[in-house]
Every structure is written in C-alpha cells, then in structure tokens.
Amino acid sequence: MSLSKPSSLPREFYLSIFSHLSIPDLLSASQVNQNWHKSSLSVLYANLHINSKTQLSIFHKYSLLQRHNGLIRSITLCRINLDVQDKLTLANECKDLISIKLIKCSNLTAEFLKDLAKNNAKSLEKFCIWGENNSNLKNFKSNKKNIDDDNNDNNNKNKKKIININNDNNDNNENNENNENNENINKDNNNTNKNNDNNNNNNNNNNNNNNNGCTEVTNDLLTPMLKFCGNIRELRICGAKITDNFLTNLISFRDNEKDDVDNYIQNYNYIQNLNETDGVNNVNDVNDDYIGNNNNNNYYNNSNENNIISPLYSPQSPKNISSSFTTINSQPIINCTYPNLRMLDFTECFSLSAFGIAELFSPSPQHLPKFHTLILQYNPEYELDLEFFEFMANNFKSQVFKIIILNSKRFDSKNRKILQTFARVSKDLDVLETKKDNIQAIKREREMTDDEILRMIED
C-alpha cells in the first residue's frame, strides 16, 4: 500500500504531529517542503518563549515578529532587558495575544504595559508579571539606612571639630595657626563628603545587583493597564511591591466624571476601529493554523467558553453618554466589573494586607461574577494568618484559597516573641486544609527559581 504524499495530508495532521516536536525538530521539519514549512511555523510561533537578549536581537534582525505576528498567540519574556526598540516592536506587532508573561524583565514602563494591553484588549485572557522577590529589597533598604546613618554621624563629628577649633582660635588669638587648622578640617570634611558620595554610589550599585536589574512591580506600573483587561481570565502579579491601593484600583472607578466620558468615547472608537480595520477574530474563530494537542496549545482547545464579553453597564457611568455605547460586544474595562476573571495570583507579594484582600469581596463579589481561585502568601505581619483564611473560607465557600507558606523568618518580624516556626505553621495549615474543602496549603522551602516559575505558569 502506497503512502500518501506529505503535501496531500490534511493540515490538521501536520499540526497535531508538529505539536509534539521539539524546537530543533520543528526547524528541521520547516525545511522539508512548503506545506511542512507553513505548518511547523504555526506551531513554532504559537507559544513564543524569548529568554535572552540575543534571541530577541535575532527577531529584530530578521523582522520575525513583523513577518509572523499573525501566528503568535502567547508570548513569554524572561530576564530580558528591554530597550526602546524592543518595547515599540512588541507593543505594535504583538496583537491578538491570548497570553502575556513577563518574568523578571528590566526597563518595563507603565506606558509600555498599557499599550501592550490596549492592543490586545479583545483577546487577552491571561496576564502574568513576576518581579524580583522583596527580601533583597528589604535587605538593601536596611543597608542603605545604616550607611546613611554612618554618613550623618561622620558629618556631625566633623562639624563638632570645626566648632571646637573655632573656639580654640578665639581663645588663643593665633590667627595663622587657626587658619591652617581650619583648612585642614575643611579638607577632612570634604574628603568625608566624597566618601559619603562613594558609599551612596556603591549603595545604588548594590541595589541593582540585589534586584538583578529587574523592574520593581508597583501600583504605578500596573494601574494604567487595568482598564484594558476587561476580558482577562487569569491575572498573576507575583514578586511585586503592590499594596492595598492596587486592589482598590482593580475593582473601583478611579477617574472623575469628565475623564470617564473621554475615556469611554476613546475606548469605544478604539474598539470600533479594530472591528472595521483589523478584522480581529475571537478565540472561537482561530483557524486550523493554531490547532495542537501538546501542553503549549491546550488553551486553544479549552478557550471556547466565556470568550465573548457581555455588554457592560456601570451605574456610575455619566448619564449623557449615548445608550448606543452600551451595546459594544467587547471593550476595554472602565468600570468595576471583570466578568471573566477566574483567578488572581499574588505569590510573593508581601505588602498586601487582610483588609485589602477583604475589599475584593466587599460588599459582594458581583464585580467578579466568575471568580474562583485566589493565591496568597501567608504573612501574619499583615494579618494574612490562619484566622483570616478560615474566615474567608467560611464566608466565601464557592471560592478556593491557595495559601503559600515559605520556610523563612518573615512571620511576625515586628514581634519576635510570637515568632512561629515553619513546622508549626505548616501543621496548623494542614489542619485548616482538612477542615475546609476550599483551602489548599502550598509549602515551599524558598522563593521559586526562574525555571520553577516558567513550569508553573506554562499554559
């Protein structure tokens, strides 16, 4: 029995086979014939991982993002120091993405994240940003304070020396000798100031080394992009210095009435322009180019539900807005409703408090109608303790709370008398997990490595 020619096989067969191949094999397959080339590229670019600046430079050199941007549905950047060209290319060329992951990248800006979210407002379902863990930053601040204190002490000592010398000069009336002493003291003082400047410069360098040059993930960095995350299903903000104010911004209406009208009209025109010029398809319309059976493509097969956002209406919206605006099929979010959000992950975020987390569910979780999973760091210093998690489990039984505990000395650092050991807290969490079906305890000996992070967030 003769075999069918490779070029005569249905496209789905190639995609199914290629989805199980490694990148070197895919590159080899792309050189067999035109059909193989087209099919292999569809799989190769569907879930794009860029882990080095050299790799990103190759994409720029051969304009690969521009040539194959229609194939990219997920992009992961890990430890990339982004320059202006990188950010412009990514924001302008990477459109209709389903998933964006930024792992410990440098030179991220609020404007870049906002543009990236805006250009993917209709399609974006998963967003992950992971900063450097905060332990190094805390150590740096402590060291900086000690250095500044030492510098101030040195300055005060020199000032006292000058005062004493001046008093001696007045008493002894030895003008020439006094002038020489004053000059020497001034020189010593200048040298001390130079040493202080050097200490500060070294201190700043230590900060970059401790933080590995990664951009700090803060409220100001993330807040501008939130209004374009209306279709988001999974939001991971990890290793961040976000505070309760970010959670308030996540669910509330922040702008005044005039800005709301301008933003609403601007967003409406933006979506209308997308519909008329770009012809963007939703996930249901993804063609056979993106069919695959491996883990890298599972979201193509599982994304058919909850794709289309229902028309949004905010009771706080200005009355003078035309009612026609409320009939938009999909739009960047500017009110307090995230209709598709199912999961929030705040791993290694040590500045969130129990009060801020409770605000997500107050007065009722109607602004998050499909919300299911919340991942939090155990942190009694901010009242994220066993009592709080038990309270949440009792009152919100349809939600799952995953609690991460690290084997570290962060617990109640302000009150060492009640410092609890990792073993004790782990045991208490096990008891709580047994009592409550919607509590899951995750125990780790340390912060996650880059490889562990990438494996965990893999689609």
Protein backbone atom coordinates (compact mmCIF):
# COMPACT_ATOMS: atom_id res chain seq x y z
CA MET A 1 0.00 0.00 0.00
CA SER A 2 1.45 3.31 -1.02
CA LEU A 3 1.66 6.15 1.45
CA SER A 4 0.01 9.46 0.77
CA LYS A 5 2.27 12.26 -0.29
CA PRO A 6 3.15 14.56 2.61
CA SER A 7 1.67 17.55 0.80
CA SER A 8 -1.71 15.80 0.39
CA LEU A 9 -2.31 15.17 4.09
CA PRO A 10 -4.84 17.41 5.86
CA ARG A 11 -3.33 20.40 7.60
CA GLU A 12 -4.60 19.25 10.98
CA PHE A 13 -2.42 16.12 10.75
CA TYR A 14 0.74 18.17 10.41
CA LEU A 15 -0.20 20.46 13.27
CA SER A 16 -1.02 17.54 15.53
CA ILE A 17 2.31 15.85 14.76
CA PHE A 18 4.39 19.02 14.93
CA SER A 19 2.88 19.99 18.28
CA HIS A 20 4.83 17.11 19.87
CA LEU A 21 8.19 18.00 18.33
CA SER A 22 11.00 19.91 19.99
CA ILE A 23 12.18 23.22 18.54
CA PRO A 24 15.21 21.71 16.69
CA ASP A 25 12.94 19.11 15.08
CA LEU A 26 10.44 21.78 14.13
CA LEU A 27 13.17 23.81 12.48
CA SER A 28 14.24 20.74 10.51
CA ALA A 29 10.65 19.99 9.52
CA SER A 30 10.24 23.55 8.26
CA GLN A 31 12.85 22.84 5.56
CA VAL A 32 11.18 19.75 4.02
CA ASN A 33 8.65 21.44 1.74
CA GLN A 34 6.32 24.41 1.61
CA ASN A 35 3.43 22.68 3.37
CA TRP A 36 5.64 21.40 6.17
CA HIS A 37 7.23 24.82 6.46
CA LYS A 38 3.90 26.59 6.88
CA SER A 39 2.58 24.05 9.38
CA SER A 40 5.72 23.93 11.51
CA LEU A 41 5.88 27.73 11.77
CA SER A 42 2.31 27.79 13.04
CA VAL A 43 3.32 25.60 15.97
CA LEU A 44 6.74 27.17 16.45
CA TYR A 45 5.39 30.70 16.85
CA ALA A 46 2.10 29.91 18.58
CA ASN A 47 3.67 29.87 22.05
CA LEU A 48 6.75 32.07 21.80
CA HIS A 49 9.43 32.00 24.53
CA ILE A 50 12.23 34.57 24.49
CA ASN A 51 14.80 34.02 27.23
CA SER A 52 17.77 36.14 26.17
CA LYS A 53 18.59 39.49 24.63
CA THR A 54 20.50 37.71 21.86
CA GLN A 55 17.41 35.76 20.90
CA LEU A 56 15.33 38.94 20.81
CA SER A 57 18.01 40.65 18.67
CA ILE A 58 17.66 37.88 16.08
CA PHE A 59 13.93 38.54 15.92
CA HIS A 60 14.69 42.21 15.25
CA LYS A 61 17.42 41.48 12.70
CA TYR A 62 15.20 39.32 10.51
CA SER A 63 11.91 41.12 11.34
CA LEU A 64 10.47 37.82 12.56
CA LEU A 65 7.85 39.41 14.82
CA GLN A 66 6.60 41.51 11.92
CA ARG A 67 6.58 38.56 9.49
CA HIS A 68 4.90 36.05 11.79
CA ASN A 69 2.88 38.20 14.19
CA GLY A 70 -0.33 36.60 12.93
CA LEU A 71 0.85 33.23 14.26
CA ILE A 72 1.73 34.36 17.80
CA ARG A 73 -0.93 33.66 20.41
CA SER A 74 1.21 33.58 23.55
CA ILE A 75 4.49 35.32 24.37
CA THR A 76 6.82 34.80 27.33
CA LEU A 77 9.75 37.11 28.08
CA CYS A 78 12.15 36.01 30.81
CA ARG A 79 15.05 38.12 32.15
CA ILE A 80 15.01 40.45 29.14
CA ASN A 81 16.46 43.96 29.41
CA LEU A 82 14.03 45.78 27.12
CA ASP A 83 15.22 48.82 25.20
CA VAL A 84 13.08 51.36 23.36
CA GLN A 85 13.09 49.37 20.10
CA ASP A 86 12.08 46.19 21.92
CA LYS A 87 9.11 47.85 23.57
CA LEU A 88 7.93 49.59 20.42
CA THR A 89 8.12 46.38 18.38
CA LEU A 90 6.40 44.23 21.00
CA ALA A 91 3.62 46.74 21.62
CA ASN A 92 2.94 47.40 17.93
CA GLU A 93 3.45 43.95 16.40
CA CYS A 94 2.19 41.54 19.09
CA LYS A 95 -1.57 41.81 18.72
CA ASP A 96 -4.46 39.44 19.34
CA LEU A 97 -2.46 37.66 22.04
CA ILE A 98 -4.25 35.32 24.40
CA SER A 99 -1.42 35.13 26.94
CA ILE A 100 1.36 37.53 28.00
CA LYS A 101 4.02 36.59 30.56
CA LEU A 102 6.79 38.95 31.70
CA ILE A 103 9.19 37.22 34.09
CA LYS A 104 11.74 39.43 35.91
CA CYS A 105 12.28 41.76 32.96
CA SER A 106 14.07 45.11 33.09
CA ASN A 107 13.08 48.59 31.92
CA LEU A 108 9.35 47.89 31.97
CA THR A 109 7.25 51.05 31.98
CA ALA A 110 3.62 51.79 32.69
CA GLU A 111 3.21 53.20 29.18
CA PHE A 112 4.57 50.03 27.57
CA LEU A 113 2.30 47.75 29.60
CA LYS A 114 -0.70 49.97 28.87
CA ASP A 115 0.00 49.91 25.11
CA LEU A 116 0.56 46.16 25.18
CA ALA A 117 -2.74 45.58 26.99
CA LYS A 118 -4.59 48.08 24.79
CA ASN A 119 -3.50 46.38 21.56
CA ASN A 120 -4.67 43.03 22.92
CA ALA A 121 -7.77 44.22 24.77
CA LYS A 122 -10.19 41.95 22.91
CA SER A 123 -8.15 38.76 23.03
CA LEU A 124 -6.07 38.86 26.22
CA GLU A 125 -7.15 36.18 28.69
CA LYS A 126 -4.00 35.52 30.71
CA PHE A 127 -1.52 38.07 32.02
CA CYS A 128 1.44 37.29 34.27
CA ILE A 129 4.10 39.67 35.54
CA TRP A 130 6.73 38.46 38.01
CA GLY A 131 9.17 40.81 39.71
CA GLU A 132 12.18 40.10 41.87
CA ASN A 133 11.22 38.86 45.33
CA ASN A 134 11.21 41.52 48.02
CA SER A 135 13.65 40.02 50.51
CA ASN A 136 16.63 41.52 48.69
CA LEU A 137 14.94 44.90 48.55
CA LYS A 138 14.29 44.85 52.28
CA ASN A 139 17.92 43.99 52.96
CA PHE A 140 19.04 46.78 50.66
CA LYS A 141 16.88 49.36 52.42
CA SER A 142 18.25 48.27 55.77
CA ASN A 143 21.84 48.54 54.50
CA LYS A 144 21.12 51.91 52.92
CA LYS A 145 19.75 53.24 56.20
CA ASN A 146 22.84 52.06 58.08
CA ILE A 147 25.14 53.70 55.53
CA ASP A 148 23.18 56.96 55.64
CA ASP A 149 23.30 56.93 59.44
CA ASP A 150 27.06 56.41 59.37
CA ASN A 151 27.44 59.25 56.87
CA ASN A 152 25.40 61.59 59.04
CA ASP A 153 27.46 60.64 62.10
CA ASN A 154 30.68 61.46 60.24
CA ASN A 155 29.33 64.82 59.15
CA ASN A 156 28.24 65.66 62.69
CA LYS A 157 31.65 64.74 64.07
CA ASN A 158 33.38 66.99 61.54
CA LYS A 159 31.04 69.87 62.37
CA LYS A 160 31.86 69.47 66.06
CA LYS A 161 35.57 69.51 65.24
CA ILE A 162 35.18 72.77 63.32
CA ILE A 163 33.27 74.35 66.21
CA ASN A 164 35.92 73.26 68.71
CA ILE A 165 38.72 74.56 66.52
CA ASN A 166 36.98 77.90 66.11
CA ASN A 167 36.54 78.20 69.88
CA ASP A 168 40.22 77.47 70.43
CA ASN A 169 41.11 80.03 67.80
CA ASN A 170 39.14 82.75 69.53
CA ASP A 171 40.66 81.94 72.91
CA ASN A 172 44.29 81.79 71.78
CA ASN A 173 44.18 84.54 69.09
CA GLU A 174 46.62 82.57 66.97
CA ASN A 175 45.20 83.56 63.59
CA ASN A 176 47.72 81.95 61.26
CA GLU A 177 47.76 78.64 63.04
CA ASN A 178 43.97 78.70 63.28
CA ASN A 179 43.61 79.28 59.55
CA GLU A 180 45.81 76.29 58.81
CA ASN A 181 43.78 74.14 61.19
CA ASN A 182 40.53 75.30 59.63
CA GLU A 183 41.84 74.48 56.17
CA ASN A 184 42.85 71.00 57.32
CA ILE A 185 39.47 70.41 58.92
CA ASN A 186 37.68 71.60 55.79
CA LYS A 187 39.78 69.24 53.70
CA ASP A 188 38.92 66.38 56.04
CA ASN A 189 35.27 67.33 55.82
CA ASN A 190 35.39 67.41 52.00
CA ASN A 191 37.08 64.02 51.96
CA THR A 192 34.39 62.65 54.25
CA ASN A 193 31.67 64.01 51.96
CA LYS A 194 33.37 62.37 48.98
CA ASN A 195 33.47 59.09 50.88
CA ASN A 196 29.78 59.51 51.65
CA ASP A 197 29.04 60.04 47.95
CA ASN A 198 31.05 56.94 47.10
CA ASN A 199 29.13 54.98 49.70
CA ASN A 200 25.84 56.16 48.19
CA ASN A 201 27.01 55.21 44.68
CA ASN A 202 28.10 51.79 45.90
CA ASN A 203 24.79 51.50 47.68
CA ASN A 204 22.90 52.19 44.43
CA ASN A 205 25.02 49.60 42.64
CA ASN A 206 24.23 47.10 45.37
CA ASN A 207 20.55 47.80 44.82
CA ASN A 208 20.85 46.93 41.12
CA ASN A 209 22.82 43.79 41.97
CA ASN A 210 20.38 42.71 44.66
CA ASN A 211 17.45 43.30 42.37
CA ASN A 212 19.29 41.91 39.32
CA GLY A 213 18.19 44.98 37.37
CA CYS A 214 14.56 43.81 37.32
CA THR A 215 11.86 46.44 37.24
CA GLU A 216 10.01 46.77 40.52
CA VAL A 217 6.39 45.76 40.03
CA THR A 218 4.42 48.51 41.76
CA ASN A 219 0.96 50.09 41.81
CA ASP A 220 2.04 52.85 39.42
CA LEU A 221 3.47 50.38 36.92
CA LEU A 222 0.30 48.28 36.65
CA THR A 223 -2.66 50.58 37.29
CA PRO A 224 -2.79 52.28 33.82
CA MET A 225 -3.22 48.95 32.02
CA LEU A 226 -6.13 47.71 34.14
CA LYS A 227 -8.86 49.39 32.10
CA PHE A 228 -7.82 47.30 29.08
CA CYS A 229 -8.08 43.98 30.91
CA GLY A 230 -11.83 43.53 30.65
CA ASN A 231 -11.59 40.04 29.11
CA ILE A 232 -8.90 38.75 31.44
CA ARG A 233 -9.43 35.30 32.96
CA GLU A 234 -6.17 34.76 34.84
CA LEU A 235 -4.17 37.58 36.42
CA ARG A 236 -0.85 36.75 38.07
CA ILE A 237 1.02 39.57 39.81
CA CYS A 238 3.88 37.97 41.69
CA GLY A 239 7.09 39.05 43.38
CA ALA A 240 5.57 42.53 43.45
CA LYS A 241 5.52 45.51 45.79
CA ILE A 242 1.85 46.23 45.17
CA THR A 243 -0.21 47.47 48.11
CA ASP A 244 -3.88 47.54 49.05
CA ASN A 245 -4.31 50.63 46.87
CA PHE A 246 -3.74 48.47 43.81
CA LEU A 247 -6.56 46.14 44.86
CA THR A 248 -8.80 49.17 45.28
CA ASN A 249 -7.90 50.33 41.76
CA LEU A 250 -8.55 46.83 40.48
CA ILE A 251 -12.22 46.93 41.39
CA SER A 252 -13.14 50.61 41.56
CA PHE A 253 -13.90 53.58 39.35
CA ARG A 254 -10.98 56.00 39.76
CA ASP A 255 -11.41 58.86 37.29
CA ASN A 256 -13.63 61.89 37.64
CA GLU A 257 -16.76 62.25 35.52
CA LYS A 258 -15.18 64.23 32.70
CA ASP A 259 -12.28 61.82 32.32
CA ASP A 260 -14.73 58.92 32.37
CA VAL A 261 -16.63 60.34 29.39
CA ASP A 262 -13.44 60.99 27.42
CA ASN A 263 -12.04 57.55 28.20
CA TYR A 264 -15.32 55.84 27.39
CA ILE A 265 -15.61 57.52 23.99
CA GLN A 266 -11.92 56.96 23.24
CA ASN A 267 -12.20 53.27 24.10
CA TYR A 268 -15.37 52.93 22.06
CA ASN A 269 -13.72 54.47 18.99
CA TYR A 270 -10.70 52.22 19.52
CA ILE A 271 -12.80 49.05 19.50
CA GLN A 272 -14.82 50.25 16.53
CA ASN A 273 -11.57 50.85 14.66
CA LEU A 274 -10.42 47.33 15.50
CA ASN A 275 -13.66 45.85 14.23
CA GLU A 276 -13.55 47.80 10.97
CA THR A 277 -9.86 47.67 10.05
CA ASP A 278 -8.15 44.79 11.77
CA GLY A 279 -10.82 42.12 11.42
CA VAL A 280 -9.75 40.57 14.72
CA ASN A 281 -11.24 37.17 15.39
CA ASN A 282 -12.10 35.92 18.82
CA VAL A 283 -10.86 32.62 20.16
CA ASN A 284 -13.75 30.72 18.60
CA ASP A 285 -12.56 31.83 15.15
CA VAL A 286 -8.98 30.58 15.48
CA ASN A 287 -8.33 28.59 12.33
CA ASP A 288 -6.51 25.33 11.83
CA ASP A 289 -3.16 27.12 11.89
CA TYR A 290 -3.29 27.05 15.68
CA ILE A 291 -4.61 23.58 16.42
CA GLY A 292 -2.36 21.46 18.60
CA ASN A 293 -2.51 18.74 21.19
CA ASN A 294 0.50 19.42 23.38
CA ASN A 295 0.58 21.43 26.58
CA ASN A 296 1.75 24.52 24.74
CA ASN A 297 -1.50 24.67 22.79
CA ASN A 298 -4.07 23.39 25.26
CA TYR A 299 -5.64 26.80 25.67
CA TYR A 300 -6.70 26.76 22.03
CA ASN A 301 -8.86 23.73 22.73
CA ASN A 302 -10.14 24.92 26.12
CA SER A 303 -10.84 28.59 25.42
CA ASN A 304 -14.20 28.29 23.73
CA GLU A 305 -16.28 29.17 26.75
CA ASN A 306 -16.69 32.70 28.03
CA ASN A 307 -14.93 34.25 25.06
CA ILE A 308 -17.42 37.00 24.30
CA ILE A 309 -17.73 39.61 26.99
CA SER A 310 -21.33 40.60 27.65
CA PRO A 311 -22.24 44.28 27.23
CA LEU A 312 -21.05 46.23 30.22
CA TYR A 313 -23.07 48.74 32.13
CA SER A 314 -21.86 50.85 35.02
CA PRO A 315 -24.43 52.58 37.23
CA GLN A 316 -21.73 55.17 37.82
CA SER A 317 -21.39 55.99 34.11
CA PRO A 318 -22.36 59.58 33.17
CA LYS A 319 -25.96 59.91 32.05
CA ASN A 320 -25.12 61.96 28.98
CA ILE A 321 -23.34 59.07 27.26
CA SER A 322 -25.31 57.74 24.33
CA SER A 323 -27.05 54.45 25.02
CA SER A 324 -25.53 53.09 21.83
CA PHE A 325 -22.17 52.90 23.62
CA THR A 326 -23.51 50.20 25.92
CA THR A 327 -24.05 47.78 23.03
CA ILE A 328 -20.36 47.17 22.35
CA ASN A 329 -19.55 43.49 22.02
CA SER A 330 -16.17 43.73 23.72
CA GLN A 331 -14.39 46.72 25.20
CA PRO A 332 -11.56 47.76 27.49
CA ILE A 333 -12.89 47.86 31.01
CA ILE A 334 -13.52 51.23 32.63
CA ASN A 335 -15.88 50.19 35.39
CA CYS A 336 -15.69 47.82 38.33
CA THR A 337 -16.69 44.58 36.58
CA TYR A 338 -14.39 41.80 35.39
CA PRO A 339 -16.96 39.35 34.04
CA ASN A 340 -14.50 36.61 33.04
CA LEU A 341 -11.87 36.81 35.80
CA ARG A 342 -11.46 33.42 37.44
CA MET A 343 -8.06 33.50 39.12
CA LEU A 344 -5.85 36.01 40.96
CA ASP A 345 -2.31 35.06 41.96
CA PHE A 346 -0.37 37.23 44.43
CA THR A 347 2.55 34.88 45.09
CA GLU A 348 5.49 36.53 46.91
CA CYS A 349 3.60 39.81 47.38
CA PHE A 350 4.45 40.78 50.95
CA SER A 351 2.84 44.24 51.12
CA LEU A 352 -0.81 43.20 50.80
CA SER A 353 -2.92 43.14 53.94
CA ALA A 354 -6.01 41.25 55.05
CA PHE A 355 -8.01 44.48 54.74
CA GLY A 356 -7.08 44.90 51.08
CA ILE A 357 -7.90 41.28 50.25
CA ALA A 358 -11.25 41.57 52.00
CA GLU A 359 -12.06 44.61 49.83
CA LEU A 360 -12.03 42.32 46.78
CA PHE A 361 -15.14 40.63 48.21
CA SER A 362 -16.87 43.69 49.68
CA PRO A 363 -19.76 44.37 49.71
CA SER A 364 -20.30 41.35 47.46
CA PRO A 365 -18.26 39.66 44.73
CA GLN A 366 -20.71 40.71 42.00
CA HIS A 367 -17.99 42.67 40.20
CA LEU A 368 -16.17 39.32 39.88
CA PRO A 369 -19.07 37.01 38.97
CA LYS A 370 -16.90 34.06 37.83
CA PHE A 371 -14.07 34.47 40.31
CA HIS A 372 -12.90 31.11 41.64
CA THR A 373 -9.26 30.96 42.83
CA LEU A 374 -7.17 33.32 44.96
CA ILE A 375 -3.49 32.55 45.61
CA LEU A 376 -1.94 34.40 48.57
CA GLN A 377 1.23 34.45 50.61
CA TYR A 378 0.93 33.55 54.28
CA ASN A 379 2.03 36.76 56.02
CA PRO A 380 0.85 37.33 59.62
CA GLU A 381 2.72 40.63 59.73
CA TYR A 382 -0.11 41.98 57.55
CA GLU A 383 -2.79 39.82 59.22
CA LEU A 384 -2.85 37.24 56.42
CA ASP A 385 -2.91 34.49 59.00
CA LEU A 386 -4.83 31.33 59.81
CA GLU A 387 -7.70 33.21 61.41
CA PHE A 388 -8.20 35.36 58.32
CA PHE A 389 -8.07 32.44 55.89
CA GLU A 390 -10.54 30.47 57.97
CA PHE A 391 -12.87 33.48 57.98
CA MET A 392 -12.63 33.77 54.18
CA ALA A 393 -13.19 30.04 53.70
CA ASN A 394 -16.32 30.16 55.86
CA ASN A 395 -17.85 33.19 54.18
CA PHE A 396 -16.93 32.52 50.54
CA LYS A 397 -17.39 28.80 50.07
CA SER A 398 -17.54 28.92 46.28
CA GLN A 399 -14.01 30.35 46.09
CA VAL A 400 -10.76 28.40 46.54
CA PHE A 401 -7.96 29.94 48.62
CA LYS A 402 -4.45 28.67 47.97
CA ILE A 403 -2.07 29.66 50.75
CA ILE A 404 1.68 29.71 50.14
CA ILE A 405 3.99 29.42 53.12
CA LEU A 406 7.76 29.86 52.90
CA ASN A 407 10.33 28.44 55.29
CA SER A 408 11.64 31.88 56.23
CA LYS A 409 11.68 34.31 59.13
CA ARG A 410 9.17 36.74 57.74
CA PHE A 411 6.48 35.72 60.19
CA ASP A 412 5.73 38.44 62.73
CA SER A 413 9.14 40.03 62.37
CA LYS A 414 7.93 43.02 64.39
CA ASN A 415 7.11 40.86 67.38
CA ARG A 416 9.69 38.12 67.83
CA LYS A 417 8.01 36.86 71.00
CA ILE A 418 5.26 35.26 68.93
CA LEU A 419 7.51 34.15 66.07
CA GLN A 420 6.12 30.90 64.67
CA THR A 421 8.29 28.28 63.08
CA PHE A 422 7.73 26.89 59.63
CA ALA A 423 6.87 23.45 61.03
CA ARG A 424 4.27 24.84 63.43
CA VAL A 425 2.53 26.98 60.83
CA SER A 426 2.63 24.14 58.30
CA LYS A 427 0.94 21.85 60.78
CA ASP A 428 -1.77 24.42 61.51
CA LEU A 429 -2.34 24.91 57.79
CA ASP A 430 -2.68 21.16 57.32
CA VAL A 431 -5.39 21.12 59.99
CA LEU A 432 -7.20 24.02 58.33
CA GLU A 433 -6.91 22.33 54.92
CA THR A 434 -8.52 19.21 56.37
CA LYS A 435 -11.37 21.21 57.89
CA LYS A 436 -12.10 23.37 54.84
CA ASP A 437 -12.57 21.98 51.35
CA ASN A 438 -11.77 25.34 49.75
CA ILE A 439 -8.39 25.79 51.47
CA GLN A 440 -5.19 24.47 49.85
CA ALA A 441 -1.78 24.80 51.52
CA ILE A 442 1.35 25.12 49.37
CA LYS A 443 4.62 24.73 51.29
CA ARG A 444 7.95 25.86 49.91
CA GLU A 445 11.41 25.96 51.38
CA ARG A 446 12.36 29.11 49.45
CA GLU A 447 11.29 31.53 46.74
CA MET A 448 10.78 29.97 43.33
CA THR A 449 13.58 29.87 40.76
CA ASP A 450 13.07 31.08 37.20
CA ASP A 451 12.72 27.53 35.86
CA GLU A 452 10.13 26.68 38.52
CA ILE A 453 8.18 29.82 37.68
CA LEU A 454 8.16 29.04 33.95
CA ARG A 455 6.98 25.47 34.58
CA MET A 456 4.21 26.64 36.90
CA ILE A 457 2.78 29.27 34.56
CA GLU A 458 3.07 27.16 31.40
CA ASP A 459 -0.22 27.09 29.50
